[in-house]
Amino acid sequence: MTAQASELLIHQGQELSLCETPLDDYLASSGRHIEFEATSTALWRGYVGTWEIINNRLYLVALSSCMLVDNKHTDVALQDVFPQYPEGLFAHWYSGELRCPRGKLLNYVHGGYMSTYEEDLFINVQIGIVTGERVVVNGKAQEDAPQGYAVAASLHFGKGQ
C-alpha cells in the first residue's frame, strides 16, 4: 500500500499532520453509506478531513473530497456531506489515540502511516473529548532529512477514472 496523505489537525494554534482517520469510525458505525472517490493511491479513503480541538473537544471543521453524484465526479465539502453542521461536527463517535508526527523524517515507509519522524504527539480522545496528551521522542534526524510529514510518491486518477 502507498503511504497515505494525512488529515490535518489544528491544535493550540498549530496545523499538524494527523496520521489517523477519525471519520472512518463514524462511517463504519453510523449506518450512512457515504462513498468517497479515491483520487490517488495516496488517498484511498477518498477524502481529507480538517480537525480542530476546541475547548478540549475534537471537531471535524472541513472536508475535501470527490463523490459520484448523478453519474458525475463532483467535489464535495463538509456542508455537502453534513448539511446540518456546516461550521463543524463534534466527533462524539471517536475514542482513540490521535498521532501527529513532528520534526524531521527518520525512516520513510511507503505504506499507510508507518514512516517515523523525530517525535510523535499522541492525543487521547474519549467520545470526542481530549483526555490527555503525550510526546514520544523517536530520535534525531540527519541535518539534511526532510522536515514534516509528506508522501513521497503516488499515482493520481483523473475524474471519470
C-alpha atoms as a PDB file:
ATOM      1  CA  MET A   1       0.000   0.000   0.000  1.00  0.00           C
ATOM      2  CA  THR A   2       1.166   3.512  -0.783  1.00  0.00           C
ATOM      3  CA  ALA A   3       1.898   5.918   2.063  1.00  0.00           C
ATOM      4  CA  GLN A   4      -1.301   7.859   2.694  1.00  0.00           C
ATOM      5  CA  ALA A   5      -1.955  11.603   2.686  1.00  0.00           C
ATOM      6  CA  SER A   6      -2.564  12.804   6.213  1.00  0.00           C
ATOM      7  CA  GLU A   7      -5.558  14.513   7.718  1.00  0.00           C
ATOM      8  CA  LEU A   8      -4.975  17.981   9.216  1.00  0.00           C
ATOM      9  CA  LEU A   9      -5.336  18.824  12.913  1.00  0.00           C
ATOM     10  CA  ILE A  10      -5.440  22.368  14.258  1.00  0.00           C
ATOM     11  CA  HIS A  11      -4.274  22.228  17.858  1.00  0.00           C
ATOM     12  CA  GLN A  12      -3.148  25.094  20.081  1.00  0.00           C
ATOM     13  CA  GLY A  13      -2.877  27.363  17.037  1.00  0.00           C
ATOM     14  CA  GLN A  14      -0.683  24.937  15.075  1.00  0.00           C
ATOM     15  CA  GLU A  15      -1.518  22.995  11.929  1.00  0.00           C
ATOM     16  CA  LEU A  16      -0.326  19.422  12.400  1.00  0.00           C
ATOM     17  CA  SER A  17      -0.375  16.362  10.180  1.00  0.00           C
ATOM     18  CA  LEU A  18      -2.767  13.808  11.616  1.00  0.00           C
ATOM     19  CA  CYS A  19      -1.965  10.174  10.880  1.00  0.00           C
ATOM     20  CA  GLU A  20      -5.330   8.814  11.963  1.00  0.00           C
ATOM     21  CA  THR A  21      -8.741   8.872  10.290  1.00  0.00           C
ATOM     22  CA  PRO A  22     -11.384   9.604  12.940  1.00  0.00           C
ATOM     23  CA  LEU A  23     -14.128   9.945  10.332  1.00  0.00           C
ATOM     24  CA  ASP A  24     -13.724   6.258   9.426  1.00  0.00           C
ATOM     25  CA  ASP A  25     -15.221   5.296  12.808  1.00  0.00           C
ATOM     26  CA  TYR A  26     -18.274   7.442  12.060  1.00  0.00           C
ATOM     27  CA  LEU A  27     -18.648   5.978   8.572  1.00  0.00           C
ATOM     28  CA  ALA A  28     -18.413   2.427   9.938  1.00  0.00           C
ATOM     29  CA  SER A  29     -20.954   2.900  12.748  1.00  0.00           C
ATOM     30  CA  SER A  30     -23.447   5.498  11.519  1.00  0.00           C
ATOM     31  CA  GLY A  31     -25.412   3.390   9.092  1.00  0.00           C
ATOM     32  CA  ARG A  32     -24.928   6.111   6.468  1.00  0.00           C
ATOM     33  CA  HIS A  33     -23.363   4.857   3.269  1.00  0.00           C
ATOM     34  CA  ILE A  34     -21.080   7.611   2.015  1.00  0.00           C
ATOM     35  CA  GLU A  35     -18.968   6.600  -0.937  1.00  0.00           C
ATOM     36  CA  PHE A  36     -15.996   8.889  -1.490  1.00  0.00           C
ATOM     37  CA  GLU A  37     -13.974   8.555  -4.697  1.00  0.00           C
ATOM     38  CA  ALA A  38     -10.256   7.751  -4.454  1.00  0.00           C
ATOM     39  CA  THR A  39      -8.347  10.327  -6.500  1.00  0.00           C
ATOM     40  CA  SER A  40      -4.872   8.979  -5.806  1.00  0.00           C
ATOM     41  CA  THR A  41      -3.124   5.893  -4.482  1.00  0.00           C
ATOM     42  CA  ALA A  42      -2.072   8.145  -1.586  1.00  0.00           C
ATOM     43  CA  LEU A  43      -5.723   8.798  -0.756  1.00  0.00           C
ATOM     44  CA  TRP A  44      -7.586   5.506  -0.868  1.00  0.00           C
ATOM     45  CA  ARG A  45     -10.127   6.778   1.695  1.00  0.00           C
ATOM     46  CA  GLY A  46     -11.159   9.442  -0.825  1.00  0.00           C
ATOM     47  CA  TYR A  47     -11.224  12.446   1.477  1.00  0.00           C
ATOM     48  CA  VAL A  48      -9.084  14.718   3.617  1.00  0.00           C
ATOM     49  CA  GLY A  49     -10.592  15.981   6.843  1.00  0.00           C
ATOM     50  CA  THR A  50      -9.519  19.037   8.779  1.00  0.00           C
ATOM     51  CA  TRP A  51      -9.970  18.596  12.504  1.00  0.00           C
ATOM     52  CA  GLU A  52      -9.720  21.104  15.315  1.00  0.00           C
ATOM     53  CA  ILE A  53      -9.514  20.761  19.066  1.00  0.00           C
ATOM     54  CA  ILE A  54     -11.664  23.478  20.624  1.00  0.00           C
ATOM     55  CA  ASN A  55     -12.112  23.582  24.406  1.00  0.00           C
ATOM     56  CA  ASN A  56     -10.776  20.010  24.658  1.00  0.00           C
ATOM     57  CA  ARG A  57     -13.305  18.715  22.121  1.00  0.00           C
ATOM     58  CA  LEU A  58     -12.499  17.237  18.711  1.00  0.00           C
ATOM     59  CA  TYR A  59     -14.391  18.697  15.743  1.00  0.00           C
ATOM     60  CA  LEU A  60     -14.398  17.952  12.029  1.00  0.00           C
ATOM     61  CA  VAL A  61     -14.291  21.502  10.631  1.00  0.00           C
ATOM     62  CA  ALA A  62     -13.638  20.923   6.926  1.00  0.00           C
ATOM     63  CA  LEU A  63     -13.764  18.111   4.408  1.00  0.00           C
ATOM     64  CA  SER A  64     -12.347  17.882   0.926  1.00  0.00           C
ATOM     65  CA  SER A  65     -13.487  15.014  -1.257  1.00  0.00           C
ATOM     66  CA  CYS A  66     -14.814  13.816  -4.542  1.00  0.00           C
ATOM     67  CA  MET A  67     -18.003  11.759  -4.881  1.00  0.00           C
ATOM     68  CA  LEU A  68     -20.006  10.293  -7.715  1.00  0.00           C
ATOM     69  CA  VAL A  69     -23.223  12.375  -7.853  1.00  0.00           C
ATOM     70  CA  ASP A  70     -25.726  11.736 -10.652  1.00  0.00           C
ATOM     71  CA  ASN A  71     -23.012   9.813 -12.521  1.00  0.00           C
ATOM     72  CA  LYS A  72     -20.658  12.814 -12.348  1.00  0.00           C
ATOM     73  CA  HIS A  73     -17.486  13.145 -10.281  1.00  0.00           C
ATOM     74  CA  THR A  74     -18.205  16.107  -8.027  1.00  0.00           C
ATOM     75  CA  ASP A  75     -16.009  17.893  -5.497  1.00  0.00           C
ATOM     76  CA  VAL A  76     -17.730  17.952  -2.121  1.00  0.00           C
ATOM     77  CA  ALA A  77     -17.093  19.749   1.164  1.00  0.00           C
ATOM     78  CA  LEU A  78     -18.246  19.378   4.776  1.00  0.00           C
ATOM     79  CA  GLN A  79     -21.562  21.170   4.210  1.00  0.00           C
ATOM     80  CA  ASP A  80     -22.381  18.805   1.317  1.00  0.00           C
ATOM     81  CA  VAL A  81     -21.900  15.678   3.425  1.00  0.00           C
ATOM     82  CA  PHE A  82     -23.161  17.114   6.741  1.00  0.00           C
ATOM     83  CA  PRO A  83     -25.509  19.981   5.761  1.00  0.00           C
ATOM     84  CA  GLN A  84     -26.822  20.298   9.320  1.00  0.00           C
ATOM     85  CA  TYR A  85     -23.252  21.024  10.583  1.00  0.00           C
ATOM     86  CA  PRO A  86     -21.656  23.449   8.075  1.00  0.00           C
ATOM     87  CA  GLU A  87     -19.450  25.040  10.762  1.00  0.00           C
ATOM     88  CA  GLY A  88     -18.158  21.791  12.225  1.00  0.00           C
ATOM     89  CA  LEU A  89     -19.212  18.426  13.547  1.00  0.00           C
ATOM     90  CA  PHE A  90     -18.379  17.346  17.124  1.00  0.00           C
ATOM     91  CA  ALA A  91     -16.647  13.943  16.899  1.00  0.00           C
ATOM     92  CA  HIS A  92     -18.715  12.304  19.672  1.00  0.00           C
ATOM     93  CA  TRP A  93     -18.266   8.911  17.972  1.00  0.00           C
ATOM     94  CA  TYR A  94     -14.480   8.915  18.221  1.00  0.00           C
ATOM     95  CA  SER A  95     -12.489   7.303  21.012  1.00  0.00           C
ATOM     96  CA  GLY A  96      -8.848   6.533  20.451  1.00  0.00           C
ATOM     97  CA  GLU A  97      -5.385   7.981  20.148  1.00  0.00           C
ATOM     98  CA  LEU A  98      -4.559  10.624  17.563  1.00  0.00           C
ATOM     99  CA  ARG A  99      -0.976  10.570  16.250  1.00  0.00           C
ATOM    100  CA  CYS A 100       0.679  13.718  14.928  1.00  0.00           C
ATOM    101  CA  PRO A 101       4.255  13.190  13.674  1.00  0.00           C
ATOM    102  CA  ARG A 102       6.564  16.188  14.126  1.00  0.00           C
ATOM    103  CA  GLY A 103      10.081  17.111  13.147  1.00  0.00           C
ATOM    104  CA  LYS A 104      12.308  15.622  10.507  1.00  0.00           C
ATOM    105  CA  LEU A 105      11.946  12.254   8.820  1.00  0.00           C
ATOM    106  CA  LEU A 106      13.871   9.367  10.393  1.00  0.00           C
ATOM    107  CA  ASN A 107      12.600   6.471   8.272  1.00  0.00           C
ATOM    108  CA  TYR A 108      10.277   6.582   5.254  1.00  0.00           C
ATOM    109  CA  VAL A 109       7.951   3.612   4.766  1.00  0.00           C
ATOM    110  CA  HIS A 110       5.931   3.515   1.564  1.00  0.00           C
ATOM    111  CA  GLY A 111       2.790   2.260   3.257  1.00  0.00           C
ATOM    112  CA  GLY A 112      -0.030   3.678   5.347  1.00  0.00           C
ATOM    113  CA  TYR A 113       1.186   5.988   8.128  1.00  0.00           C
ATOM    114  CA  MET A 114       4.214   3.884   9.036  1.00  0.00           C
ATOM    115  CA  SER A 115       7.012   6.432   8.452  1.00  0.00           C
ATOM    116  CA  THR A 116       8.888   7.571  11.559  1.00  0.00           C
ATOM    117  CA  TYR A 117       9.645  11.203  12.474  1.00  0.00           C
ATOM    118  CA  GLU A 118      11.729  12.754  15.241  1.00  0.00           C
ATOM    119  CA  GLU A 119       8.742  12.822  17.562  1.00  0.00           C
ATOM    120  CA  ASP A 120       5.085  11.949  17.793  1.00  0.00           C
ATOM    121  CA  LEU A 121       2.415  13.869  19.650  1.00  0.00           C
ATOM    122  CA  PHE A 122      -0.277  11.465  20.854  1.00  0.00           C
ATOM    123  CA  ILE A 123      -3.629  12.911  21.893  1.00  0.00           C
ATOM    124  CA  ASN A 124      -6.049  10.648  23.764  1.00  0.00           C
ATOM    125  CA  VAL A 125      -9.728  11.174  22.977  1.00  0.00           C
ATOM    126  CA  GLN A 126     -12.756   9.576  24.641  1.00  0.00           C
ATOM    127  CA  ILE A 127     -16.159  10.114  22.991  1.00  0.00           C
ATOM    128  CA  GLY A 128     -14.826  13.246  21.325  1.00  0.00           C
ATOM    129  CA  ILE A 129     -13.241  14.771  24.447  1.00  0.00           C
ATOM    130  CA  VAL A 130      -9.478  15.136  24.845  1.00  0.00           C
ATOM    131  CA  THR A 131      -8.366  13.335  27.999  1.00  0.00           C
ATOM    132  CA  GLY A 132      -4.591  13.651  27.721  1.00  0.00           C
ATOM    133  CA  GLU A 133      -1.507  14.137  25.596  1.00  0.00           C
ATOM    134  CA  ARG A 134       1.995  12.747  25.466  1.00  0.00           C
ATOM    135  CA  VAL A 135       5.060  13.251  23.293  1.00  0.00           C
ATOM    136  CA  VAL A 136       7.308  10.372  22.247  1.00  0.00           C
ATOM    137  CA  VAL A 137      10.816  11.253  21.035  1.00  0.00           C
ATOM    138  CA  ASN A 138      11.881   8.779  18.354  1.00  0.00           C
ATOM    139  CA  GLY A 139      15.393  10.049  17.661  1.00  0.00           C
ATOM    140  CA  LYS A 140      17.405  12.780  15.992  1.00  0.00           C
ATOM    141  CA  ALA A 141      17.393  13.000  12.196  1.00  0.00           C
ATOM    142  CA  GLN A 142      20.312  13.886   9.973  1.00  0.00           C
ATOM    143  CA  GLU A 143      20.642  17.583   9.152  1.00  0.00           C
ATOM    144  CA  ASP A 144      19.539  17.115   5.526  1.00  0.00           C
ATOM    145  CA  ALA A 145      16.462  14.981   6.364  1.00  0.00           C
ATOM    146  CA  PRO A 146      13.086  16.241   5.067  1.00  0.00           C
ATOM    147  CA  GLN A 147      11.038  18.271   7.558  1.00  0.00           C
ATOM    148  CA  GLY A 148       7.422  17.345   8.271  1.00  0.00           C
ATOM    149  CA  TYR A 149       5.038  14.642   7.137  1.00  0.00           C
ATOM    150  CA  ALA A 150       4.895  14.043   3.371  1.00  0.00           C
ATOM    151  CA  VAL A 151       4.056  11.303   0.906  1.00  0.00           C
ATOM    152  CA  ALA A 152       6.961  10.513  -1.405  1.00  0.00           C
ATOM    153  CA  ALA A 153       5.009   9.200  -4.406  1.00  0.00           C
ATOM    154  CA  SER A 154       1.508   8.376  -5.568  1.00  0.00           C
ATOM    155  CA  LEU A 155      -0.499   7.715  -8.701  1.00  0.00           C
ATOM    156  CA  HIS A 156      -3.303  10.231  -9.328  1.00  0.00           C
ATOM    157  CA  PHE A 157      -6.538   9.255 -11.015  1.00  0.00           C
ATOM    158  CA  GLY A 158      -8.329  11.652 -13.339  1.00  0.00           C
ATOM    159  CA  LYS A 159     -12.014  12.381 -12.931  1.00  0.00           C
ATOM    160  CA  GLY A 160     -14.034   9.667 -14.566  1.00  0.00           C
ATOM    161  CA  GLN A 161     -11.402   7.002 -13.939  1.00  0.00           C
END
